[in-house]
Amino acid sequence: MMQPINQETDIRSIDISQLVDITNIHIDDELSGEERKKEYIRHVKYPYFCRVGKIAVKSVYTKGSTLNERFQEMIMSM
């Protein structure tokens, strides 16, 4: 059974095999922004955690920024 996961969960405490690999998810980009968010959450189950291959990822959201903006900022900082 998977432990309860929320935004306060320490990523090091999660069994990575229980996270959804987002490289296997396809979301129709013709959906509205709200519908795409709902689809993403439906697929990953936990909006704060997912994995990319063998790497666990924890997302932290702030008000006023979109997920796309945050990903762009992350990529630009690399």
C-alpha atoms as a PDB file:
ATOM      1  CA  MET A   1       0.000   0.000   0.000  1.00  0.00           C
ATOM      2  CA  MET A   2       1.291   3.448  -0.905  1.00  0.00           C
ATOM      3  CA  GLN A   3       1.949   5.852   1.943  1.00  0.00           C
ATOM      4  CA  PRO A   4      -0.082   9.074   2.038  1.00  0.00           C
ATOM      5  CA  ILE A   5       1.587  11.679  -0.164  1.00  0.00           C
ATOM      6  CA  ASN A   6       1.106  15.422   0.059  1.00  0.00           C
ATOM      7  CA  GLN A   7       3.163  18.533  -0.638  1.00  0.00           C
ATOM      8  CA  GLU A   8       5.037  18.151   2.672  1.00  0.00           C
ATOM      9  CA  THR A   9       6.241  14.602   1.926  1.00  0.00           C
ATOM     10  CA  ASP A  10      10.014  14.187   1.761  1.00  0.00           C
ATOM     11  CA  ILE A  11      10.920  12.899  -1.698  1.00  0.00           C
ATOM     12  CA  ARG A  12      13.537  10.594  -0.138  1.00  0.00           C
ATOM     13  CA  SER A  13      10.775   8.697   1.672  1.00  0.00           C
ATOM     14  CA  ILE A  14       8.894   7.729  -1.493  1.00  0.00           C
ATOM     15  CA  ASP A  15       9.246   4.378  -3.249  1.00  0.00           C
ATOM     16  CA  ILE A  16      10.001   5.563  -6.805  1.00  0.00           C
ATOM     17  CA  SER A  17       8.355   2.470  -8.298  1.00  0.00           C
ATOM     18  CA  GLN A  18       5.020   3.802  -7.023  1.00  0.00           C
ATOM     19  CA  LEU A  19       5.335   7.070  -8.962  1.00  0.00           C
ATOM     20  CA  VAL A  20       4.017   7.525 -12.501  1.00  0.00           C
ATOM     21  CA  ASP A  21       6.641   8.060 -15.214  1.00  0.00           C
ATOM     22  CA  ILE A  22       5.532  11.222 -17.020  1.00  0.00           C
ATOM     23  CA  THR A  23       7.399  10.235 -20.189  1.00  0.00           C
ATOM     24  CA  ASN A  24       4.558   7.766 -20.749  1.00  0.00           C
ATOM     25  CA  ILE A  25       1.781  10.339 -20.410  1.00  0.00           C
ATOM     26  CA  HIS A  26       0.163  12.096 -23.356  1.00  0.00           C
ATOM     27  CA  ILE A  27      -2.203  14.994 -22.738  1.00  0.00           C
ATOM     28  CA  ASP A  28      -4.164  16.481 -25.605  1.00  0.00           C
ATOM     29  CA  ASP A  29      -2.804  19.998 -26.105  1.00  0.00           C
ATOM     30  CA  GLU A  30      -6.109  21.081 -27.617  1.00  0.00           C
ATOM     31  CA  LEU A  31      -7.764  20.846 -24.203  1.00  0.00           C
ATOM     32  CA  SER A  32      -8.193  24.028 -22.187  1.00  0.00           C
ATOM     33  CA  GLY A  33      -5.559  24.792 -19.571  1.00  0.00           C
ATOM     34  CA  GLU A  34      -7.904  23.694 -16.797  1.00  0.00           C
ATOM     35  CA  GLU A  35      -8.706  20.414 -18.564  1.00  0.00           C
ATOM     36  CA  ARG A  36      -4.993  19.727 -19.161  1.00  0.00           C
ATOM     37  CA  LYS A  37      -4.338  20.201 -15.431  1.00  0.00           C
ATOM     38  CA  LYS A  38      -7.136  17.782 -14.588  1.00  0.00           C
ATOM     39  CA  GLU A  39      -5.786  15.230 -17.069  1.00  0.00           C
ATOM     40  CA  TYR A  40      -2.254  15.559 -15.688  1.00  0.00           C
ATOM     41  CA  ILE A  41      -3.458  14.985 -12.132  1.00  0.00           C
ATOM     42  CA  ARG A  42      -5.647  12.086 -13.255  1.00  0.00           C
ATOM     43  CA  HIS A  43      -2.604  10.432 -14.826  1.00  0.00           C
ATOM     44  CA  VAL A  44       0.052  11.118 -12.176  1.00  0.00           C
ATOM     45  CA  LYS A  45      -2.278  10.763  -9.156  1.00  0.00           C
ATOM     46  CA  TYR A  46      -0.128  13.091  -7.020  1.00  0.00           C
ATOM     47  CA  PRO A  47       0.397  16.616  -8.389  1.00  0.00           C
ATOM     48  CA  TYR A  48       3.550  17.107  -6.325  1.00  0.00           C
ATOM     49  CA  PHE A  49       5.405  13.925  -7.335  1.00  0.00           C
ATOM     50  CA  CYS A  50       6.177  11.980 -10.473  1.00  0.00           C
ATOM     51  CA  ARG A  51       9.187  10.410 -12.064  1.00  0.00           C
ATOM     52  CA  VAL A  52      11.099  10.834 -15.295  1.00  0.00           C
ATOM     53  CA  GLY A  53      12.642   7.472 -16.047  1.00  0.00           C
ATOM     54  CA  LYS A  54      14.516   6.505 -12.880  1.00  0.00           C
ATOM     55  CA  ILE A  55      14.512  10.009 -11.373  1.00  0.00           C
ATOM     56  CA  ALA A  56      11.908  11.055  -8.798  1.00  0.00           C
ATOM     57  CA  VAL A  57      10.673  14.630  -9.212  1.00  0.00           C
ATOM     58  CA  LYS A  58       8.989  16.832  -6.628  1.00  0.00           C
ATOM     59  CA  SER A  59       7.166  19.892  -7.908  1.00  0.00           C
ATOM     60  CA  VAL A  60       6.630  22.965  -5.778  1.00  0.00           C
ATOM     61  CA  TYR A  61       3.954  25.367  -6.957  1.00  0.00           C
ATOM     62  CA  THR A  62       3.643  29.053  -6.251  1.00  0.00           C
ATOM     63  CA  LYS A  63       0.725  31.315  -6.961  1.00  0.00           C
ATOM     64  CA  GLY A  64       1.033  33.508 -10.025  1.00  0.00           C
ATOM     65  CA  SER A  65       3.262  31.202 -12.081  1.00  0.00           C
ATOM     66  CA  THR A  66       2.221  28.492 -14.493  1.00  0.00           C
ATOM     67  CA  LEU A  67       3.828  25.072 -14.607  1.00  0.00           C
ATOM     68  CA  ASN A  68       5.194  25.924 -18.069  1.00  0.00           C
ATOM     69  CA  GLU A  69       6.784  29.111 -16.724  1.00  0.00           C
ATOM     70  CA  ARG A  70       8.409  27.180 -13.882  1.00  0.00           C
ATOM     71  CA  PHE A  71       9.765  24.493 -16.243  1.00  0.00           C
ATOM     72  CA  GLN A  72      11.164  27.186 -18.524  1.00  0.00           C
ATOM     73  CA  GLU A  73      12.832  28.881 -15.542  1.00  0.00           C
ATOM     74  CA  MET A  74      14.300  25.554 -14.446  1.00  0.00           C
ATOM     75  CA  ILE A  75      15.671  24.817 -17.908  1.00  0.00           C
ATOM     76  CA  MET A  76      17.104  28.311 -18.305  1.00  0.00           C
ATOM     77  CA  SER A  77      18.911  27.971 -14.966  1.00  0.00           C
ATOM     78  CA  MET A  78      20.758  24.826 -16.062  1.00  0.00           C
END
